[in-house]
Amino acid sequence: MLVGERPGLSVVDSLGLYLTNEPSSSTTDADRNCISNVHPPDGLSYAAAAETAIALATRAAALGFSGVALKADDPAALRIGAG
């Protein structure tokens, strides 16, 4: 599941994306990945956010989990077959 929001706390045009593999009523924040600070030109670009979301979703589906166990620091490392 991928949910987007516009939190607008300190940056009114910032976006956040939350990705969870197989969410349920027992899903916690630790089971979710967050891609935040999406607001070009000062934050993450839309293209970089999309690349990260696709990489996370692909890897989460292949592994069967998301969240803190699935890091998103380097989208290339998330691709299937990488590490």
PDB file of N, CA and C in Angstrom:
ATOM      1  N   MET A   1       0.849  -1.151   0.000  1.00  0.00           N
ATOM      2  CA  MET A   1       0.000   0.000   0.000  1.00  0.00           C
ATOM      3  C   MET A   1       0.902   1.224   0.000  1.00  0.00           C
ATOM      4  N   LEU A   2       0.567   2.190  -0.825  1.00  0.00           N
ATOM      5  CA  LEU A   2       1.306   3.449  -0.869  1.00  0.00           C
ATOM      6  C   LEU A   2       0.325   4.580  -0.611  1.00  0.00           C
ATOM      7  N   VAL A   3       0.641   5.397   0.395  1.00  0.00           N
ATOM      8  CA  VAL A   3      -0.211   6.525   0.754  1.00  0.00           C
ATOM      9  C   VAL A   3       0.639   7.780   0.699  1.00  0.00           C
ATOM     10  N   GLY A   4       0.107   8.823   0.118  1.00  0.00           N
ATOM     11  CA  GLY A   4       0.804  10.103   0.079  1.00  0.00           C
ATOM     12  C   GLY A   4       0.075  11.120   0.928  1.00  0.00           C
ATOM     13  N   GLU A   5       0.819  12.078   1.416  1.00  0.00           N
ATOM     14  CA  GLU A   5       0.211  13.146   2.203  1.00  0.00           C
ATOM     15  C   GLU A   5       0.970  14.437   1.971  1.00  0.00           C
ATOM     16  N   ARG A   6       0.330  15.505   2.296  1.00  0.00           N
ATOM     17  CA  ARG A   6       0.968  16.812   2.259  1.00  0.00           C
ATOM     18  C   ARG A   6       0.907  17.364   3.669  1.00  0.00           C
ATOM     19  N   PRO A   7       1.934  17.037   4.474  1.00  0.00           N
ATOM     20  CA  PRO A   7       1.891  17.440   5.878  1.00  0.00           C
ATOM     21  C   PRO A   7       1.973  18.939   6.099  1.00  0.00           C
ATOM     22  N   GLY A   8       2.769  19.642   5.306  1.00  0.00           N
ATOM     23  CA  GLY A   8       2.847  21.084   5.395  1.00  0.00           C
ATOM     24  C   GLY A   8       3.237  21.642   6.742  1.00  0.00           C
ATOM     25  N   LEU A   9       4.099  20.954   7.456  1.00  0.00           N
ATOM     26  CA  LEU A   9       4.497  21.452   8.767  1.00  0.00           C
ATOM     27  C   LEU A   9       5.436  22.640   8.632  1.00  0.00           C
ATOM     28  N   SER A  10       6.672  22.402   8.260  1.00  0.00           N
ATOM     29  CA  SER A  10       7.617  23.517   8.135  1.00  0.00           C
ATOM     30  C   SER A  10       7.750  23.998   6.693  1.00  0.00           C
ATOM     31  N   VAL A  11       7.384  23.131   5.736  1.00  0.00           N
ATOM     32  CA  VAL A  11       7.433  23.488   4.319  1.00  0.00           C
ATOM     33  C   VAL A  11       6.056  23.193   3.743  1.00  0.00           C
ATOM     34  N   VAL A  12       5.311  24.222   3.376  1.00  0.00           N
ATOM     35  CA  VAL A  12       3.913  24.040   3.002  1.00  0.00           C
ATOM     36  C   VAL A  12       3.700  23.217   1.737  1.00  0.00           C
ATOM     37  N   ASP A  13       4.698  23.130   0.852  1.00  0.00           N
ATOM     38  CA  ASP A  13       4.509  22.372  -0.386  1.00  0.00           C
ATOM     39  C   ASP A  13       5.237  21.025  -0.363  1.00  0.00           C
ATOM     40  N   SER A  14       5.634  20.556   0.795  1.00  0.00           N
ATOM     41  CA  SER A  14       6.333  19.288   0.940  1.00  0.00           C
ATOM     42  C   SER A  14       5.346  18.127   0.885  1.00  0.00           C
ATOM     43  N   LEU A  15       5.802  17.004   0.326  1.00  0.00           N
ATOM     44  CA  LEU A  15       5.005  15.786   0.259  1.00  0.00           C
ATOM     45  C   LEU A  15       5.696  14.671   1.017  1.00  0.00           C
ATOM     46  N   GLY A  16       4.922  13.724   1.502  1.00  0.00           N
ATOM     47  CA  GLY A  16       5.460  12.530   2.130  1.00  0.00           C
ATOM     48  C   GLY A  16       4.766  11.310   1.552  1.00  0.00           C
ATOM     49  N   LEU A  17       5.483  10.211   1.416  1.00  0.00           N
ATOM     50  CA  LEU A  17       4.927   8.955   0.914  1.00  0.00           C
ATOM     51  C   LEU A  17       5.196   7.874   1.948  1.00  0.00           C
ATOM     52  N   TYR A  18       4.199   7.067   2.227  1.00  0.00           N
ATOM     53  CA  TYR A  18       4.347   5.969   3.174  1.00  0.00           C
ATOM     54  C   TYR A  18       4.045   4.664   2.456  1.00  0.00           C
ATOM     55  N   LEU A  19       4.964   3.709   2.548  1.00  0.00           N
ATOM     56  CA  LEU A  19       4.812   2.421   1.892  1.00  0.00           C
ATOM     57  C   LEU A  19       4.811   1.319   2.940  1.00  0.00           C
ATOM     58  N   THR A  20       3.823   0.426   2.843  1.00  0.00           N
ATOM     59  CA  THR A  20       3.723  -0.697   3.768  1.00  0.00           C
ATOM     60  C   THR A  20       3.421  -1.957   2.987  1.00  0.00           C
ATOM     61  N   ASN A  21       4.195  -2.999   3.226  1.00  0.00           N
ATOM     62  CA  ASN A  21       3.936  -4.286   2.593  1.00  0.00           C
ATOM     63  C   ASN A  21       2.905  -5.045   3.421  1.00  0.00           C
ATOM     64  N   GLU A  22       1.827  -5.467   2.786  1.00  0.00           N
ATOM     65  CA  GLU A  22       0.765  -6.250   3.423  1.00  0.00           C
ATOM     66  C   GLU A  22       0.331  -5.679   4.776  1.00  0.00           C
ATOM     67  N   PRO A  23      -0.206  -4.453   4.781  1.00  0.00           N
ATOM     68  CA  PRO A  23      -0.625  -3.839   6.039  1.00  0.00           C
ATOM     69  C   PRO A  23      -1.786  -4.598   6.683  1.00  0.00           C
ATOM     70  N   SER A  24      -1.847  -4.513   7.988  1.00  0.00           N
ATOM     71  CA  SER A  24      -2.931  -5.134   8.746  1.00  0.00           C
ATOM     72  C   SER A  24      -3.200  -4.283   9.986  1.00  0.00           C
ATOM     73  N   SER A  25      -4.135  -4.705  10.793  1.00  0.00           N
ATOM     74  CA  SER A  25      -4.456  -3.947  12.003  1.00  0.00           C
ATOM     75  C   SER A  25      -3.310  -3.964  13.011  1.00  0.00           C
ATOM     76  N   SER A  26      -2.376  -4.902  12.864  1.00  0.00           N
ATOM     77  CA  SER A  26      -1.240  -4.970  13.787  1.00  0.00           C
ATOM     78  C   SER A  26       0.011  -4.267  13.233  1.00  0.00           C
ATOM     79  N   THR A  27      -0.101  -3.633  12.064  1.00  0.00           N
ATOM     80  CA  THR A  27       1.032  -2.914  11.473  1.00  0.00           C
ATOM     81  C   THR A  27       1.410  -1.724  12.344  1.00  0.00           C
ATOM     82  N   THR A  28       2.703  -1.572  12.599  1.00  0.00           N
ATOM     83  CA  THR A  28       3.195  -0.438  13.389  1.00  0.00           C
ATOM     84  C   THR A  28       3.974   0.511  12.487  1.00  0.00           C
ATOM     85  N   ASP A  29       4.361   1.652  13.030  1.00  0.00           N
ATOM     86  CA  ASP A  29       5.174   2.601  12.269  1.00  0.00           C
ATOM     87  C   ASP A  29       6.482   1.968  11.817  1.00  0.00           C
ATOM     88  N   ALA A  30       7.011   1.048  12.591  1.00  0.00           N
ATOM     89  CA  ALA A  30       8.276   0.385  12.241  1.00  0.00           C
ATOM     90  C   ALA A  30       8.128  -0.504  11.007  1.00  0.00           C
ATOM     91  N   ASP A  31       6.898  -0.820  10.616  1.00  0.00           N
ATOM     92  CA  ASP A  31       6.638  -1.654   9.445  1.00  0.00           C
ATOM     93  C   ASP A  31       6.461  -0.829   8.180  1.00  0.00           C
ATOM     94  N   ARG A  32       6.577   0.469   8.300  1.00  0.00           N
ATOM     95  CA  ARG A  32       6.359   1.373   7.165  1.00  0.00           C
ATOM     96  C   ARG A  32       7.666   2.027   6.744  1.00  0.00           C
ATOM     97  N   ASN A  33       7.761   2.313   5.452  1.00  0.00           N
ATOM     98  CA  ASN A  33       8.856   3.139   4.951  1.00  0.00           C
ATOM     99  C   ASN A  33       8.277   4.505   4.612  1.00  0.00           C
ATOM    100  N   CYS A  34       9.019   5.531   4.908  1.00  0.00           N
ATOM    101  CA  CYS A  34       8.581   6.889   4.620  1.00  0.00           C
ATOM    102  C   CYS A  34       9.585   7.564   3.693  1.00  0.00           C
ATOM    103  N   ILE A  35       9.073   8.145   2.644  1.00  0.00           N
ATOM    104  CA  ILE A  35       9.879   8.979   1.746  1.00  0.00           C
ATOM    105  C   ILE A  35       9.362  10.393   1.989  1.00  0.00           C
ATOM    106  N   SER A  36      10.166  11.210   2.629  1.00  0.00           N
ATOM    107  CA  SER A  36       9.689  12.534   3.031  1.00  0.00           C
ATOM    108  C   SER A  36      10.507  13.633   2.370  1.00  0.00           C
ATOM    109  N   ASN A  37      10.075  14.848   2.613  1.00  0.00           N
ATOM    110  CA  ASN A  37      10.768  16.036   2.128  1.00  0.00           C
ATOM    111  C   ASN A  37      10.765  16.110   0.599  1.00  0.00           C
ATOM    112  N   VAL A  38       9.663  15.680  -0.019  1.00  0.00           N
ATOM    113  CA  VAL A  38       9.540  15.731  -1.478  1.00  0.00           C
ATOM    114  C   VAL A  38       9.002  17.110  -1.838  1.00  0.00           C
ATOM    115  N   HIS A  39       9.882  17.972  -2.290  1.00  0.00           N
ATOM    116  CA  HIS A  39       9.492  19.319  -2.721  1.00  0.00           C
ATOM    117  C   HIS A  39      10.649  19.975  -3.451  1.00  0.00           C
ATOM    118  N   PRO A  40      10.725  19.709  -4.760  1.00  0.00           N
ATOM    119  CA  PRO A  40      11.780  20.340  -5.541  1.00  0.00           C
ATOM    120  C   PRO A  40      11.548  21.854  -5.614  1.00  0.00           C
ATOM    121  N   PRO A  41      12.567  22.658  -5.731  1.00  0.00           N
ATOM    122  CA  PRO A  41      13.964  22.293  -5.944  1.00  0.00           C
ATOM    123  C   PRO A  41      14.766  22.135  -4.659  1.00  0.00           C
ATOM    124  N   ASP A  42      14.190  22.481  -3.509  1.00  0.00           N
ATOM    125  CA  ASP A  42      14.962  22.452  -2.268  1.00  0.00           C
ATOM    126  C   ASP A  42      14.992  21.094  -1.580  1.00  0.00           C
ATOM    127  N   GLY A  43      13.998  20.264  -1.835  1.00  0.00           N
ATOM    128  CA  GLY A  43      13.946  18.931  -1.234  1.00  0.00           C
ATOM    129  C   GLY A  43      14.178  17.863  -2.284  1.00  0.00           C
ATOM    130  N   LEU A  44      13.678  16.680  -2.012  1.00  0.00           N
ATOM    131  CA  LEU A  44      13.804  15.548  -2.918  1.00  0.00           C
ATOM    132  C   LEU A  44      12.976  15.807  -4.174  1.00  0.00           C
ATOM    133  N   SER A  45      13.525  15.496  -5.343  1.00  0.00           N
ATOM    134  CA  SER A  45      12.796  15.695  -6.596  1.00  0.00           C
ATOM    135  C   SER A  45      11.706  14.646  -6.743  1.00  0.00           C
ATOM    136  N   TYR A  46      10.723  14.942  -7.573  1.00  0.00           N
ATOM    137  CA  TYR A  46       9.651  13.975  -7.828  1.00  0.00           C
ATOM    138  C   TYR A  46      10.212  12.701  -8.462  1.00  0.00           C
ATOM    139  N   ALA A  47      11.171  12.855  -9.363  1.00  0.00           N
ATOM    140  CA  ALA A  47      11.777  11.687 -10.017  1.00  0.00           C
ATOM    141  C   ALA A  47      12.511  10.812  -9.014  1.00  0.00           C
ATOM    142  N   ALA A  48      13.262  11.414  -8.117  1.00  0.00           N
ATOM    143  CA  ALA A  48      13.993  10.646  -7.101  1.00  0.00           C
ATOM    144  C   ALA A  48      13.019   9.970  -6.137  1.00  0.00           C
ATOM    145  N   ALA A  49      11.942  10.665  -5.767  1.00  0.00           N
ATOM    146  CA  ALA A  49      10.937  10.061  -4.886  1.00  0.00           C
ATOM    147  C   ALA A  49      10.263   8.882  -5.572  1.00  0.00           C
ATOM    148  N   ALA A  50       9.947   9.029  -6.853  1.00  0.00           N
ATOM    149  CA  ALA A  50       9.320   7.937  -7.605  1.00  0.00           C
ATOM    150  C   ALA A  50      10.267   6.752  -7.730  1.00  0.00           C
ATOM    151  N   GLU A  51      11.534   7.007  -8.030  1.00  0.00           N
ATOM    152  CA  GLU A  51      12.518   5.931  -8.136  1.00  0.00           C
ATOM    153  C   GLU A  51      12.651   5.179  -6.809  1.00  0.00           C
ATOM    154  N   THR A  52      12.690   5.916  -5.732  1.00  0.00           N
ATOM    155  CA  THR A  52      12.795   5.293  -4.412  1.00  0.00           C
ATOM    156  C   THR A  52      11.542   4.484  -4.090  1.00  0.00           C
ATOM    157  N   ALA A  53      10.362   5.031  -4.389  1.00  0.00           N
ATOM    158  CA  ALA A  53       9.111   4.323  -4.124  1.00  0.00           C
ATOM    159  C   ALA A  53       9.019   3.031  -4.927  1.00  0.00           C
ATOM    160  N   ILE A  54       9.391   3.082  -6.189  1.00  0.00           N
ATOM    161  CA  ILE A  54       9.362   1.883  -7.038  1.00  0.00           C
ATOM    162  C   ILE A  54      10.348   0.845  -6.525  1.00  0.00           C
ATOM    163  N   ALA A  55      11.540   1.288  -6.179  1.00  0.00           N
ATOM    164  CA  ALA A  55      12.553   0.364  -5.670  1.00  0.00           C
ATOM    165  C   ALA A  55      12.112  -0.272  -4.348  1.00  0.00           C
ATOM    166  N   LEU A  56      11.556   0.532  -3.457  1.00  0.00           N
ATOM    167  CA  LEU A  56      11.071   0.009  -2.173  1.00  0.00           C
ATOM    168  C   LEU A  56       9.929  -0.980  -2.373  1.00  0.00           C
ATOM    169  N   ALA A  57       8.968  -0.630  -3.222  1.00  0.00           N
ATOM    170  CA  ALA A  57       7.815  -1.499  -3.452  1.00  0.00           C
ATOM    171  C   ALA A  57       8.244  -2.820  -4.084  1.00  0.00           C
ATOM    172  N   THR A  58       9.161  -2.756  -5.024  1.00  0.00           N
ATOM    173  CA  THR A  58       9.647  -3.968  -5.682  1.00  0.00           C
ATOM    174  C   THR A  58      10.363  -4.873  -4.694  1.00  0.00           C
ATOM    175  N   ARG A  59      11.239  -4.281  -3.916  1.00  0.00           N
ATOM    176  CA  ARG A  59      12.016  -5.060  -2.933  1.00  0.00           C
ATOM    177  C   ARG A  59      11.107  -5.585  -1.817  1.00  0.00           C
ATOM    178  N   ALA A  60      10.176  -4.774  -1.356  1.00  0.00           N
ATOM    179  CA  ALA A  60       9.259  -5.208  -0.296  1.00  0.00           C
ATOM    180  C   ALA A  60       8.412  -6.389  -0.766  1.00  0.00           C
ATOM    181  N   ALA A  61       7.938  -6.327  -1.999  1.00  0.00           N
ATOM    182  CA  ALA A  61       7.128  -7.426  -2.533  1.00  0.00           C
ATOM    183  C   ALA A  61       7.954  -8.703  -2.656  1.00  0.00           C
ATOM    184  N   ALA A  62       9.195  -8.572  -3.068  1.00  0.00           N
ATOM    185  CA  ALA A  62      10.062  -9.745  -3.237  1.00  0.00           C
ATOM    186  C   ALA A  62      10.441 -10.366  -1.894  1.00  0.00           C
ATOM    187  N   LEU A  63      10.667  -9.510  -0.887  1.00  0.00           N
ATOM    188  CA  LEU A  63      11.118 -10.003   0.415  1.00  0.00           C
ATOM    189  C   LEU A  63       9.970 -10.315   1.369  1.00  0.00           C
ATOM    190  N   GLY A  64       8.816  -9.685   1.143  1.00  0.00           N
ATOM    191  CA  GLY A  64       7.671  -9.926   2.005  1.00  0.00           C
ATOM    192  C   GLY A  64       7.616  -9.059   3.250  1.00  0.00           C
ATOM    193  N   PHE A  65       8.400  -7.986   3.288  1.00  0.00           N
ATOM    194  CA  PHE A  65       8.350  -7.070   4.433  1.00  0.00           C
ATOM    195  C   PHE A  65       8.756  -5.678   4.002  1.00  0.00           C
ATOM    196  N   SER A  66       8.420  -4.720   4.835  1.00  0.00           N
ATOM    197  CA  SER A  66       8.815  -3.327   4.627  1.00  0.00           C
ATOM    198  C   SER A  66       9.179  -2.763   5.991  1.00  0.00           C
ATOM    199  N   GLY A  67       9.545  -1.507   6.026  1.00  0.00           N
ATOM    200  CA  GLY A  67       9.841  -0.854   7.301  1.00  0.00           C
ATOM    201  C   GLY A  67      11.317  -0.747   7.593  1.00  0.00           C
ATOM    202  N   VAL A  68      11.646  -0.709   8.886  1.00  0.00           N
ATOM    203  CA  VAL A  68      13.021  -0.450   9.298  1.00  0.00           C
ATOM    204  C   VAL A  68      13.997  -1.512   8.787  1.00  0.00           C
ATOM    205  N   ALA A  69      13.509  -2.702   8.499  1.00  0.00           N
ATOM    206  CA  ALA A  69      14.385  -3.760   7.977  1.00  0.00           C
ATOM    207  C   ALA A  69      14.720  -3.543   6.506  1.00  0.00           C
ATOM    208  N   LEU A  70      14.025  -2.626   5.857  1.00  0.00           N
ATOM    209  CA  LEU A  70      14.219  -2.356   4.434  1.00  0.00           C
ATOM    210  C   LEU A  70      14.661  -0.910   4.277  1.00  0.00           C
ATOM    211  N   LYS A  71      15.932  -0.679   4.145  1.00  0.00           N
ATOM    212  CA  LYS A  71      16.478   0.672   4.086  1.00  0.00           C
ATOM    213  C   LYS A  71      16.347   1.256   2.686  1.00  0.00           C
ATOM    214  N   ALA A  72      16.173   2.560   2.609  1.00  0.00           N
ATOM    215  CA  ALA A  72      16.002   3.240   1.327  1.00  0.00           C
ATOM    216  C   ALA A  72      17.088   4.264   1.063  1.00  0.00           C
ATOM    217  N   ASP A  73      18.213   4.146   1.730  1.00  0.00           N
ATOM    218  CA  ASP A  73      19.273   5.138   1.564  1.00  0.00           C
ATOM    219  C   ASP A  73      19.792   5.207   0.136  1.00  0.00           C
ATOM    220  N   ASP A  74      19.834   4.067  -0.556  1.00  0.00           N
ATOM    221  CA  ASP A  74      20.348   4.018  -1.919  1.00  0.00           C
ATOM    222  C   ASP A  74      19.382   3.201  -2.764  1.00  0.00           C
ATOM    223  N   PRO A  75      18.529   3.869  -3.584  1.00  0.00           N
ATOM    224  CA  PRO A  75      17.544   3.135  -4.387  1.00  0.00           C
ATOM    225  C   PRO A  75      18.174   2.044  -5.255  1.00  0.00           C
ATOM    226  N   ALA A  76      19.394   2.248  -5.729  1.00  0.00           N
ATOM    227  CA  ALA A  76      20.043   1.233  -6.566  1.00  0.00           C
ATOM    228  C   ALA A  76      20.280  -0.049  -5.771  1.00  0.00           C
ATOM    229  N   ALA A  77      20.562   0.080  -4.472  1.00  0.00           N
ATOM    230  CA  ALA A  77      20.810  -1.101  -3.639  1.00  0.00           C
ATOM    231  C   ALA A  77      19.528  -1.879  -3.355  1.00  0.00           C
ATOM    232  N   LEU A  78      18.366  -1.243  -3.584  1.00  0.00           N
ATOM    233  CA  LEU A  78      17.091  -1.906  -3.351  1.00  0.00           C
ATOM    234  C   LEU A  78      16.672  -2.795  -4.510  1.00  0.00           C
ATOM    235  N   ARG A  79      17.279  -2.600  -5.681  1.00  0.00           N
ATOM    236  CA  ARG A  79      16.860  -3.369  -6.843  1.00  0.00           C
ATOM    237  C   ARG A  79      17.088  -4.849  -6.633  1.00  0.00           C
ATOM    238  N   ILE A  80      16.172  -5.650  -7.138  1.00  0.00           N
ATOM    239  CA  ILE A  80      16.287  -7.103  -7.012  1.00  0.00           C
ATOM    240  C   ILE A  80      17.603  -7.550  -7.633  1.00  0.00           C
ATOM    241  N   GLY A  81      18.306  -8.395  -6.918  1.00  0.00           N
ATOM    242  CA  GLY A  81      19.611  -8.870  -7.386  1.00  0.00           C
ATOM    243  C   GLY A  81      20.758  -8.072  -6.793  1.00  0.00           C
ATOM    244  N   ALA A  82      20.455  -6.914  -6.227  1.00  0.00           N
ATOM    245  CA  ALA A  82      21.503  -6.121  -5.589  1.00  0.00           C
ATOM    246  C   ALA A  82      21.601  -6.537  -4.137  1.00  0.00           C
ATOM    247  N   GLY A  83      22.791  -6.851  -3.711  1.00  0.00           N
ATOM    248  CA  GLY A  83      23.065  -7.160  -2.313  1.00  0.00           C
ATOM    249  C   GLY A  83      22.029  -7.950  -1.690  1.00  0.00           C
TER     250      GLY A  83
END
